[in-house]
């Protein structure tokens, strides 16, 4: 029998490389030998199909999530219209493009009787709306995410399949990267985007309370200049901004994880956070804010702060994380999220939902 043919929707693919796009790239590489997969995204790559649609920055709306929802809707609509014009048929649609695309996946299902899977992304209200479109299966990233969404809503098939990493990538010891050379230890590493809800300013303030140690921040975003200015003001030579490192530069990023001492993130909320897995795979402890999702992901491989706004408490957590003997706890926690285990679950799910058997 022919391979199951999958349309994998990810609106930002080819344009940005956030969590959803990273998962899409990994999923494609893990599954392309098992299934025939077409990736659809706003941007174009050598292995994806471009859908001409508006990117979120093109919408004039102050609410960040609102722009994301509009992007998802218009992307889904453009994809749906391309399917109407095309004779291309799929055995399954895998929606990793948010609630707006779920609406159009449902319309496509009624038009061509093609099952679709929706993967949870942001959590909260977005997942409840996603759920109401009754995908043939909804994949959640954590137990907490599933439990908070399913309450009081219609029953459909759900499955918990977290984000995953390829642990083999982290086995090889990398050379000391230039971005770390000369920094006073312990080195605290942060990779969050420079946007308000990631709260990088709290990390700077917490490190400034410590007598020793340096902070290295990577990434980009509208608050970058303001945040870098604050870092230099409060930390001086103990602060370094390390630029944007493309996701595909795996060796460079892994070398930073391997040679820094503590991974730190202060986001108010986090749908999952693949960066936690990457840090733990390099046997680096994590310091972040407490919530049920991060408790599930990190386990005893780090310290969770009740409220990162409490700078003294946050600072103490960083200090103790740098002094603790973590042995192999972070690496052992990361093993739970290896693609080796999660891949088979996705294969079984896709076979079931597509009602086909691969020979």
Foldseek 3Di string as FASTA:
>chain_A
DAFFEEEEEAACAQPDCDPLNVLVVVLCVLCVVRHHYEYEYCRDDPRHDHQPFDQLVVDPDPDSVVSLLVSLQRSLVSVLVVPVVDPDDGLEYEYSRFLNNLVSVLVVCVVPVHAYEYEDDDADPRVLSSCVSQGQEYEAADPVRVVVNPPPDDDHHYYYFHAFDALVLLPDAADQDPQCPPAWPQEEEEEDEQDDQFPVVLVLLLQLVDPTAAYEYEYYDPCVVVSVVSNCVSPNSRYDYDYHDDPVVSRNVSNVLLPHAAYETEGPDGSAPVVLLSNLSSVHAYEYADDPRVCLQRPPRAHHFPHSVVSPSSNVRVVVSNVDDSPNSSNVSSVVRHCVVSVVVVVVVVCVRSVHDDD
